[in-house]
Structures are given as structure tokens and as C-alpha cells.
PDB file of N, CA and C in Angstrom:
ATOM      1  N   MET A   1      74.275  90.083  71.316  1.00  0.00           N
ATOM      2  CA  MET A   1      75.185  91.799  70.152  1.00  0.00           C
ATOM      3  C   MET A   1      74.877  92.192  71.998  1.00  0.00           C
ATOM      4  N   HIS A   2      76.355  92.604  72.817  1.00  0.00           N
ATOM      5  CA  HIS A   2      76.398  93.171  73.620  1.00  0.00           C
ATOM      6  C   HIS A   2      76.319  94.888  73.247  1.00  0.00           C
ATOM      7  N   VAL A   3      75.679  95.307  74.480  1.00  0.00           N
ATOM      8  CA  VAL A   3      75.627  97.244  74.373  1.00  0.00           C
ATOM      9  C   VAL A   3      75.730  97.737  75.776  1.00  0.00           C
ATOM     10  N   ASN A   4      76.578  98.220  76.102  1.00  0.00           N
ATOM     11  CA  ASN A   4      77.085  99.152  76.918  1.00  0.00           C
ATOM     12  C   ASN A   4      76.012  99.923  77.513  1.00  0.00           C
ATOM     13  N   LYS A   5      75.304  99.897  78.790  1.00  0.00           N
ATOM     14  CA  LYS A   5      74.675 100.460  80.024  1.00  0.00           C
ATOM     15  C   LYS A   5      74.881 101.914  80.574  1.00  0.00           C
ATOM     16  N   VAL A   6      76.676 101.793  80.476  1.00  0.00           N
ATOM     17  CA  VAL A   6      77.132 103.373  81.128  1.00  0.00           C
ATOM     18  C   VAL A   6      76.739 104.393  79.886  1.00  0.00           C
ATOM     19  N   HIS A   7      75.708 104.735  80.876  1.00  0.00           N
ATOM     20  CA  HIS A   7      75.874 106.553  79.615  1.00  0.00           C
ATOM     21  C   HIS A   7      76.559 107.460  80.209  1.00  0.00           C
ATOM     22  N   SER A   8      76.772 107.720  81.650  1.00  0.00           N
ATOM     23  CA  SER A   8      77.420 108.632  81.694  1.00  0.00           C
ATOM     24  C   SER A   8      78.832 108.518  83.168  1.00  0.00           C
ATOM     25  N   VAL A   9      79.988 109.083  83.156  1.00  0.00           N
ATOM     26  CA  VAL A   9      81.315 108.559  84.166  1.00  0.00           C
ATOM     27  C   VAL A   9      81.581 110.076  84.708  1.00  0.00           C
ATOM     28  N   PHE A  10      81.582 110.451  86.020  1.00  0.00           N
ATOM     29  CA  PHE A  10      82.199 111.128  86.814  1.00  0.00           C
ATOM     30  C   PHE A  10      83.801 111.146  86.862  1.00  0.00           C
ATOM     31  N   THR A  11      84.577 112.551  86.540  1.00  0.00           N
ATOM     32  CA  THR A  11      86.011 112.470  86.511  1.00  0.00           C
ATOM     33  C   THR A  11      86.079 112.221  88.297  1.00  0.00           C
ATOM     34  N   ILE A  12      87.702 111.835  88.504  1.00  0.00           N
ATOM     35  CA  ILE A  12      87.815 111.708  90.338  1.00  0.00           C
ATOM     36  C   ILE A  12      88.028 112.881  90.177  1.00  0.00           C
ATOM     37  N   GLY A  13      88.206 114.122  89.934  1.00  0.00           N
ATOM     38  CA  GLY A  13      88.152 115.461  90.403  1.00  0.00           C
ATOM     39  C   GLY A  13      86.613 115.778  91.010  1.00  0.00           C
ATOM     40  N   ARG A  14      85.403 115.770  89.981  1.00  0.00           N
ATOM     41  CA  ARG A  14      84.088 115.536  90.555  1.00  0.00           C
ATOM     42  C   ARG A  14      83.695 114.708  91.589  1.00  0.00           C
ATOM     43  N   VAL A  15      84.519 113.779  91.401  1.00  0.00           N
ATOM     44  CA  VAL A  15      83.848 112.211  92.383  1.00  0.00           C
ATOM     45  C   VAL A  15      84.446 112.782  94.335  1.00  0.00           C
ATOM     46  N   ALA A  16      85.640 113.503  93.456  1.00  0.00           N
ATOM     47  CA  ALA A  16      86.509 113.606  94.918  1.00  0.00           C
ATOM     48  C   ALA A  16      85.649 115.319  95.639  1.00  0.00           C
ATOM     49  N   LYS A  17      85.591 116.457  94.504  1.00  0.00           N
ATOM     50  CA  LYS A  17      84.549 117.076  95.456  1.00  0.00           C
ATOM     51  C   LYS A  17      83.067 116.830  95.711  1.00  0.00           C
ATOM     52  N   ASP A  18      82.100 115.765  95.536  1.00  0.00           N
ATOM     53  CA  ASP A  18      80.881 115.594  95.257  1.00  0.00           C
ATOM     54  C   ASP A  18      81.157 114.753  96.895  1.00  0.00           C
ATOM     55  N   LEU A  19      82.334 114.678  97.194  1.00  0.00           N
ATOM     56  CA  LEU A  19      82.692 113.747  97.990  1.00  0.00           C
ATOM     57  C   LEU A  19      83.681 114.075  99.766  1.00  0.00           C
ATOM     58  N   GLY A  20      83.731 115.401  99.450  1.00  0.00           N
ATOM     59  CA  GLY A  20      84.226 116.034 100.364  1.00  0.00           C
ATOM     60  C   GLY A  20      85.646 115.525 100.578  1.00  0.00           C
ATOM     61  N   GLU A  21      86.873 114.626  99.533  1.00  0.00           N
ATOM     62  CA  GLU A  21      87.727 114.277  99.970  1.00  0.00           C
ATOM     63  C   GLU A  21      88.530 114.916  99.110  1.00  0.00           C
ATOM     64  N   ASP A  22      89.688 114.583  99.860  1.00  0.00           N
ATOM     65  CA  ASP A  22      91.051 115.162  98.693  1.00  0.00           C
ATOM     66  C   ASP A  22      91.731 114.189  97.769  1.00  0.00           C
ATOM     67  N   GLU A  23      91.289 114.388  96.516  1.00  0.00           N
ATOM     68  CA  GLU A  23      91.758 114.450  95.306  1.00  0.00           C
ATOM     69  C   GLU A  23      93.018 112.837  95.065  1.00  0.00           C
ATOM     70  N   ASP A  24      93.923 113.610  95.354  1.00  0.00           N
ATOM     71  CA  ASP A  24      95.323 112.410  95.342  1.00  0.00           C
ATOM     72  C   ASP A  24      95.150 111.698  96.207  1.00  0.00           C
ATOM     73  N   TRP A  25      94.235 111.637  97.729  1.00  0.00           N
ATOM     74  CA  TRP A  25      93.992 110.862  98.588  1.00  0.00           C
ATOM     75  C   TRP A  25      93.397 109.616  97.359  1.00  0.00           C
ATOM     76  N   LEU A  26      92.082 110.421  97.147  1.00  0.00           N
ATOM     77  CA  LEU A  26      91.334 109.757  96.442  1.00  0.00           C
ATOM     78  C   LEU A  26      91.391 108.483  95.286  1.00  0.00           C
ATOM     79  N   TRP A  27      92.856 109.098  94.399  1.00  0.00           N
ATOM     80  CA  TRP A  27      93.877 108.542  93.546  1.00  0.00           C
ATOM     81  C   TRP A  27      94.431 107.351  93.544  1.00  0.00           C
ATOM     82  N   ASP A  28      95.172 107.401  94.780  1.00  0.00           N
ATOM     83  CA  ASP A  28      95.846 106.628  96.101  1.00  0.00           C
ATOM     84  C   ASP A  28      94.516 105.468  96.351  1.00  0.00           C
ATOM     85  N   VAL A  29      93.597 105.518  96.333  1.00  0.00           N
ATOM     86  CA  VAL A  29      92.857 104.734  97.128  1.00  0.00           C
ATOM     87  C   VAL A  29      92.534 104.163  95.980  1.00  0.00           C
ATOM     88  N   ALA A  30      91.779 104.676  94.919  1.00  0.00           N
ATOM     89  CA  ALA A  30      91.503 104.083  93.299  1.00  0.00           C
ATOM     90  C   ALA A  30      92.075 103.707  92.951  1.00  0.00           C
ATOM     91  N   ASN A  31      93.879 103.693  93.036  1.00  0.00           N
ATOM     92  CA  ASN A  31      94.906 103.256  92.192  1.00  0.00           C
ATOM     93  C   ASN A  31      94.432 101.491  91.640  1.00  0.00           C
ATOM     94  N   GLY A  32      94.369 100.609  92.550  1.00  0.00           N
ATOM     95  CA  GLY A  32      94.081  99.076  92.140  1.00  0.00           C
ATOM     96  C   GLY A  32      92.967  98.864  91.588  1.00  0.00           C
ATOM     97  N   MET A  33      91.819  99.909  91.864  1.00  0.00           N
ATOM     98  CA  MET A  33      90.505  99.382  90.708  1.00  0.00           C
ATOM     99  C   MET A  33      90.613  99.066  89.722  1.00  0.00           C
ATOM    100  N   ASP A  34      89.669  98.078  89.341  1.00  0.00           N
ATOM    101  CA  ASP A  34      90.257  98.008  87.166  1.00  0.00           C
ATOM    102  C   ASP A  34      88.669  98.041  86.389  1.00  0.00           C
ATOM    103  N   PRO A  35      88.682  97.851  85.709  1.00  0.00           N
ATOM    104  CA  PRO A  35      87.652  98.587  84.830  1.00  0.00           C
ATOM    105  C   PRO A  35      86.335  97.703  85.187  1.00  0.00           C
ATOM    106  N   GLU A  36      86.192  96.290  85.944  1.00  0.00           N
ATOM    107  CA  GLU A  36      85.113  95.796  86.131  1.00  0.00           C
ATOM    108  C   GLU A  36      84.692  96.022  87.682  1.00  0.00           C
ATOM    109  N   ASP A  37      85.575  97.306  87.998  1.00  0.00           N
ATOM    110  CA  ASP A  37      85.019  97.568  89.568  1.00  0.00           C
ATOM    111  C   ASP A  37      84.219  99.161  88.677  1.00  0.00           C
ATOM    112  N   GLY A  38      84.309  99.157  87.536  1.00  0.00           N
ATOM    113  CA  GLY A  38      83.117 100.728  87.951  1.00  0.00           C
ATOM    114  C   GLY A  38      84.524 101.751  87.104  1.00  0.00           C
ATOM    115  N   VAL A  39      85.738 101.643  87.272  1.00  0.00           N
ATOM    116  CA  VAL A  39      86.593 102.353  86.880  1.00  0.00           C
ATOM    117  C   VAL A  39      87.089 102.525  85.329  1.00  0.00           C
ATOM    118  N   ILE A  40      86.840 103.777  84.797  1.00  0.00           N
ATOM    119  CA  ILE A  40      87.658 103.788  83.382  1.00  0.00           C
ATOM    120  C   ILE A  40      88.413 104.676  83.473  1.00  0.00           C
ATOM    121  N   TRP A  41      89.242 104.783  81.914  1.00  0.00           N
ATOM    122  CA  TRP A  41      90.648 106.495  81.925  1.00  0.00           C
ATOM    123  C   TRP A  41      89.555 106.912  80.666  1.00  0.00           C
ATOM    124  N   VAL A  42      89.938 108.486  80.564  1.00  0.00           N
ATOM    125  CA  VAL A  42      89.324 109.528  79.338  1.00  0.00           C
ATOM    126  C   VAL A  42      90.469 109.665  79.341  1.00  0.00           C
ATOM    127  N   TYR A  43      90.556 110.130  78.141  1.00  0.00           N
ATOM    128  CA  TYR A  43      92.354 110.305  77.047  1.00  0.00           C
ATOM    129  C   TYR A  43      91.707 110.633  76.132  1.00  0.00           C
ATOM    130  N   GLY A  44      92.429 112.208  76.365  1.00  0.00           N
ATOM    131  CA  GLY A  44      91.821 113.316  75.684  1.00  0.00           C
ATOM    132  C   GLY A  44      92.652 113.612  74.675  1.00  0.00           C
ATOM    133  N   ILE A  45      92.834 114.885  73.586  1.00  0.00           N
ATOM    134  CA  ILE A  45      93.933 114.710  72.422  1.00  0.00           C
ATOM    135  C   ILE A  45      95.069 114.755  72.861  1.00  0.00           C
ATOM    136  N   SER A  46      95.522 114.895  73.652  1.00  0.00           N
ATOM    137  CA  SER A  46      97.221 115.306  74.023  1.00  0.00           C
ATOM    138  C   SER A  46      97.456 113.866  74.742  1.00  0.00           C
ATOM    139  N   ASP A  47      98.461 113.790  75.366  1.00  0.00           N
ATOM    140  CA  ASP A  47      99.239 112.539  76.207  1.00  0.00           C
ATOM    141  C   ASP A  47      98.297 112.766  77.392  1.00  0.00           C
ATOM    142  N   ASP A  48      97.469 113.767  77.776  1.00  0.00           N
ATOM    143  CA  ASP A  48      96.777 113.988  78.899  1.00  0.00           C
ATOM    144  C   ASP A  48      95.612 112.756  79.652  1.00  0.00           C
ATOM    145  N   SER A  49      95.209 112.077  80.934  1.00  0.00           N
ATOM    146  CA  SER A  49      93.947 111.674  80.749  1.00  0.00           C
ATOM    147  C   SER A  49      93.772 111.454  82.218  1.00  0.00           C
ATOM    148  N   VAL A  50      92.823 111.064  82.794  1.00  0.00           N
ATOM    149  CA  VAL A  50      92.153 111.083  83.703  1.00  0.00           C
ATOM    150  C   VAL A  50      91.331 110.328  84.012  1.00  0.00           C
ATOM    151  N   MET A  51      91.272 109.906  85.439  1.00  0.00           N
ATOM    152  CA  MET A  51      90.128 108.274  85.798  1.00  0.00           C
ATOM    153  C   MET A  51      88.885 109.514  86.020  1.00  0.00           C
ATOM    154  N   ALA A  52      88.119 108.107  85.794  1.00  0.00           N
ATOM    155  CA  ALA A  52      86.325 108.495  85.519  1.00  0.00           C
ATOM    156  C   ALA A  52      85.547 107.214  86.490  1.00  0.00           C
ATOM    157  N   PHE A  53      84.800 107.364  86.840  1.00  0.00           N
ATOM    158  CA  PHE A  53      83.894 106.210  87.351  1.00  0.00           C
ATOM    159  C   PHE A  53      83.038 106.334  86.740  1.00  0.00           C
ATOM    160  N   THR A  54      81.545 104.942  86.914  1.00  0.00           N
ATOM    161  CA  THR A  54      80.715 104.798  86.430  1.00  0.00           C
ATOM    162  C   THR A  54      80.015 104.874  87.910  1.00  0.00           C
ATOM    163  N   ASP A  55      78.759 105.076  87.826  1.00  0.00           N
ATOM    164  CA  ASP A  55      77.964 104.842  88.809  1.00  0.00           C
ATOM    165  C   ASP A  55      78.407 103.351  90.172  1.00  0.00           C
ATOM    166  N   PHE A  56      78.452 102.308  89.465  1.00  0.00           N
ATOM    167  CA  PHE A  56      78.566 101.172  89.886  1.00  0.00           C
ATOM    168  C   PHE A  56      80.245 101.296  90.785  1.00  0.00           C
ATOM    169  N   GLY A  57      81.249 101.867  89.780  1.00  0.00           N
ATOM    170  CA  GLY A  57      82.773 102.610  90.321  1.00  0.00           C
ATOM    171  C   GLY A  57      82.856 103.459  91.813  1.00  0.00           C
ATOM    172  N   ILE A  58      81.343 104.733  91.494  1.00  0.00           N
ATOM    173  CA  ILE A  58      81.820 105.363  92.582  1.00  0.00           C
ATOM    174  C   ILE A  58      80.967 104.308  94.129  1.00  0.00           C
ATOM    175  N   GLU A  59      80.113 103.222  93.630  1.00  0.00           N
ATOM    176  CA  GLU A  59      80.091 102.536  95.144  1.00  0.00           C
ATOM    177  C   GLU A  59      81.017 101.811  95.677  1.00  0.00           C
ATOM    178  N   ASN A  60      81.752 101.160  94.720  1.00  0.00           N
ATOM    179  CA  ASN A  60      83.010 100.501  95.000  1.00  0.00           C
ATOM    180  C   ASN A  60      84.241 101.256  95.767  1.00  0.00           C
ATOM    181  N   LEU A  61      84.304 102.588  95.336  1.00  0.00           N
ATOM    182  CA  LEU A  61      84.873 103.615  95.736  1.00  0.00           C
ATOM    183  C   LEU A  61      84.998 103.846  97.372  1.00  0.00           C
ATOM    184  N   MET A  62      83.365 104.349  97.112  1.00  0.00           N
ATOM    185  CA  MET A  62      82.872 104.754  98.417  1.00  0.00           C
ATOM    186  C   MET A  62      82.969 103.215  99.491  1.00  0.00           C
ATOM    187  N   GLU A  63      82.994 101.987  99.356  1.00  0.00           N
ATOM    188  CA  GLU A  63      83.715 100.868 100.535  1.00  0.00           C
ATOM    189  C   GLU A  63      85.102 101.038 100.287  1.00  0.00           C
ATOM    190  N   LEU A  64      85.449 102.040  99.536  1.00  0.00           N
ATOM    191  CA  LEU A  64      87.149 101.406  99.019  1.00  0.00           C
ATOM    192  C   LEU A  64      87.411 102.311 100.626  1.00  0.00           C
ATOM    193  N   ILE A  65      86.826 104.057 100.282  1.00  0.00           N
ATOM    194  CA  ILE A  65      87.338 105.042 101.189  1.00  0.00           C
ATOM    195  C   ILE A  65      86.843 104.694 102.546  1.00  0.00           C
ATOM    196  N   ARG A  66      85.930 103.902 102.671  1.00  0.00           N
ATOM    197  CA  ARG A  66      85.506 102.849 104.006  1.00  0.00           C
ATOM    198  C   ARG A  66      86.279 102.434 104.696  1.00  0.00           C
ATOM    199  N   ILE A  67      87.063 101.446 104.329  1.00  0.00           N
ATOM    200  CA  ILE A  67      87.576 100.365 104.472  1.00  0.00           C
ATOM    201  C   ILE A  67      89.422 101.341 105.050  1.00  0.00           C
ATOM    202  N   HIS A  68      89.583 102.043 103.695  1.00  0.00           N
ATOM    203  CA  HIS A  68      90.934 103.022 103.873  1.00  0.00           C
ATOM    204  C   HIS A  68      91.157 103.987 105.266  1.00  0.00           C
ATOM    205  N   LYS A  69      89.596 104.783 105.422  1.00  0.00           N
ATOM    206  CA  LYS A  69      89.613 105.242 106.169  1.00  0.00           C
ATOM    207  C   LYS A  69      89.546 104.744 108.547  1.00  0.00           C
ATOM    208  N   GLU A  70      88.853 103.330 108.260  1.00  0.00           N
ATOM    209  CA  GLU A  70      89.375 102.040 109.604  1.00  0.00           C
ATOM    210  C   GLU A  70      90.534 101.273 109.609  1.00  0.00           C
ATOM    211  N   ASP A  71      91.286 101.816 108.330  1.00  0.00           N
ATOM    212  CA  ASP A  71      92.636 101.298 108.557  1.00  0.00           C
ATOM    213  C   ASP A  71      93.447 102.286 107.964  1.00  0.00           C
ATOM    214  N   PRO A  72      94.152 103.538 108.036  1.00  0.00           N
ATOM    215  CA  PRO A  72      95.111 104.435 108.014  1.00  0.00           C
ATOM    216  C   PRO A  72      96.674 103.412 107.067  1.00  0.00           C
ATOM    217  N   GLU A  73      96.514 102.621 107.624  1.00  0.00           N
ATOM    218  CA  GLU A  73      97.991 101.712 107.536  1.00  0.00           C
ATOM    219  C   GLU A  73      97.853 101.359 105.846  1.00  0.00           C
ATOM    220  N   LEU A  74      96.701 100.845 105.583  1.00  0.00           N
ATOM    221  CA  LEU A  74      96.699 100.045 104.164  1.00  0.00           C
ATOM    222  C   LEU A  74      97.573 100.496 103.379  1.00  0.00           C
ATOM    223  N   LEU A  75      97.528 102.292 103.198  1.00  0.00           N
ATOM    224  CA  LEU A  75      98.164 102.947 101.925  1.00  0.00           C
ATOM    225  C   LEU A  75      99.527 102.941 101.317  1.00  0.00           C
ATOM    226  N   LYS A  76      99.560 102.984 103.559  1.00  0.00           N
ATOM    227  CA  LYS A  76     101.703 102.714 103.346  1.00  0.00           C
ATOM    228  C   LYS A  76     102.114 101.878 103.105  1.00  0.00           C
ATOM    229  N   ARG A  77     101.543 100.450 103.330  1.00  0.00           N
ATOM    230  CA  ARG A  77     101.699  99.226 103.380  1.00  0.00           C
ATOM    231  C   ARG A  77     101.737  98.770 101.676  1.00  0.00           C
ATOM    232  N   TRP A  78     100.570  99.176 100.957  1.00  0.00           N
ATOM    233  CA  TRP A  78     100.660  99.521  99.231  1.00  0.00           C
ATOM    234  C   TRP A  78     102.200  99.821  98.806  1.00  0.00           C
ATOM    235  N   ASN A  79     102.247 100.863  99.577  1.00  0.00           N
ATOM    236  CA  ASN A  79     103.124 102.007  99.215  1.00  0.00           C
ATOM    237  C   ASN A  79     104.051 101.663  98.875  1.00  0.00           C
ATOM    238  N   GLN A  80     104.733 100.177  99.763  1.00  0.00           N
ATOM    239  CA  GLN A  80     106.350 100.489  99.701  1.00  0.00           C
ATOM    240  C   GLN A  80     106.563  99.100  99.288  1.00  0.00           C
TER     241      GLN A  80
END
């Protein structure tokens, strides 16, 4: 039997605040992450949704932040 060990997630807004990063920029950095990377989508009553991260996802995101800060051109190339 599969047991989900994720007991909490953090919204992208919370992660941006905690890491001192711009939320829109962080969204661009995290946009390519998959559920196995620790990112999930949380859906509300209406059609709104928000990106959220497990602890593992935050670790992966921090590595992506480091990579993107070392090479800011990555996002420009990705978005073209």
C-alpha cells in the first residue's frame, strides 16, 4: 500500500518571501519542475490554482535558483 509522506506544502508566495526572491521570477524558474521534483498545484473552489512545493521541492528550487543566478541568460533562452 502506497502511503503519501508529504504532510505539508508551501505556496510559491510563501517560498518567495522566505527566500527573499521575486515571486514572478521564481515562477519562471520553477515552471519546468515536475511533481517528482516536489512541485504540485493546489486548486481552490473556483478556477484559481497556485504552485506549491514540498520540502524536497524547495531544495530542488534552491538549486535551480543558484543555477539561474549563475547564468541569468537561461530564462531568456528558455522563453524564446
